[in-house]
Amino acid sequence: MSKQTEILEKDIRGQICPSSLLLALREINEQFARLDAGELEIVVLTDNRDATSTIPATVENMGLHAEVEKLAGYYRVVVKK
């Protein structure tokens, strides 16, 4: 029986760096054990283009992975193990 991965969505649209990075990191740090265990994925919604490079670079230094998807007017950054 496979475990269901929970998805937590964090909408930080309207924030600019470094605020967007700090808001995302607060959630990532609070949920790190569950992220690292593969139990959780955090989806960050942002309209700040800088965050699409700062968030992935930071989480990859933490041993996690980030995927960035460009949508209509904003970006979707998925942080997972």
Protein backbone atom coordinates (compact mmCIF):
# COMPACT_ATOMS: atom_id res chain seq x y z
CA MET A 1 0.00 0.00 0.00
CA SER A 2 1.57 3.29 -1.08
CA LYS A 3 1.54 6.41 1.06
CA GLN A 4 -0.25 9.50 -0.17
CA THR A 5 1.97 12.57 -0.50
CA GLU A 6 0.35 15.62 1.06
CA ILE A 7 0.51 18.89 -0.87
CA LEU A 8 0.74 22.19 0.98
CA GLU A 9 0.18 25.31 -1.10
CA LYS A 10 1.76 28.64 -0.12
CA ASP A 11 0.59 31.66 -2.12
CA ILE A 12 3.16 34.46 -1.84
CA ARG A 13 2.17 36.40 -4.93
CA GLY A 14 2.77 40.12 -4.46
CA GLN A 15 5.93 39.58 -2.40
CA ILE A 16 9.35 40.57 -3.74
CA CYS A 17 12.75 39.08 -2.93
CA PRO A 18 14.10 38.63 -0.37
CA SER A 19 10.67 38.53 1.29
CA SER A 20 9.39 35.85 -1.10
CA LEU A 21 12.38 33.62 -0.36
CA LEU A 22 12.08 34.15 3.40
CA LEU A 23 8.35 33.36 3.44
CA ALA A 24 8.91 30.18 1.44
CA LEU A 25 11.86 29.16 3.62
CA ARG A 26 9.88 29.61 6.83
CA GLU A 27 7.35 27.02 5.61
CA ILE A 28 10.07 24.73 4.23
CA ASN A 29 12.01 24.81 7.51
CA GLU A 30 8.88 24.15 9.59
CA GLN A 31 7.98 21.17 7.40
CA PHE A 32 11.52 19.96 6.62
CA ALA A 33 11.23 16.54 8.31
CA ARG A 34 8.09 15.70 6.33
CA LEU A 35 9.59 17.05 3.10
CA ASP A 36 12.78 15.07 3.64
CA ALA A 37 10.76 11.90 4.32
CA GLY A 38 8.85 12.38 1.06
CA GLU A 39 5.54 12.73 2.92
CA LEU A 40 4.94 16.32 1.79
CA GLU A 41 5.37 18.59 -1.22
CA ILE A 42 5.16 22.36 -0.87
CA VAL A 43 3.79 24.30 -3.82
CA VAL A 44 4.82 27.96 -3.77
CA LEU A 45 2.88 30.36 -5.99
CA THR A 46 4.85 33.52 -6.79
CA ASP A 47 4.79 36.30 -9.33
CA ASN A 48 8.38 37.31 -8.53
CA ARG A 49 10.76 36.02 -11.21
CA ASP A 50 13.80 36.26 -8.88
CA ALA A 51 12.13 33.72 -6.55
CA THR A 52 12.18 31.16 -9.37
CA SER A 53 15.95 30.97 -9.02
CA THR A 54 16.51 31.79 -5.33
CA ILE A 55 14.03 29.25 -3.94
CA PRO A 56 15.30 26.29 -6.04
CA ALA A 57 18.96 27.14 -5.35
CA THR A 58 18.33 27.35 -1.61
CA VAL A 59 16.30 24.15 -1.29
CA GLU A 60 18.80 22.19 -3.37
CA ASN A 61 21.47 23.20 -0.85
CA MET A 62 19.17 21.65 1.76
CA GLY A 63 19.06 18.33 -0.11
CA LEU A 64 15.61 18.90 -1.60
CA HIS A 65 14.47 19.39 -5.20
CA ALA A 66 12.44 22.18 -6.82
CA GLU A 67 10.59 22.31 -10.12
CA VAL A 68 9.49 25.63 -11.60
CA GLU A 69 6.52 25.97 -13.93
CA LYS A 70 5.57 29.25 -15.62
CA LEU A 71 1.83 29.82 -15.68
CA ALA A 72 -0.31 32.77 -16.82
CA GLY A 73 1.05 35.70 -14.81
CA TYR A 74 2.81 33.74 -12.08
CA TYR A 75 5.10 30.80 -11.34
CA ARG A 76 4.49 27.52 -9.54
CA VAL A 77 7.51 26.22 -7.60
CA VAL A 78 7.15 22.64 -6.31
CA VAL A 79 9.51 21.73 -3.47
CA LYS A 80 9.94 18.02 -2.71
CA LYS A 81 12.45 15.31 -1.83
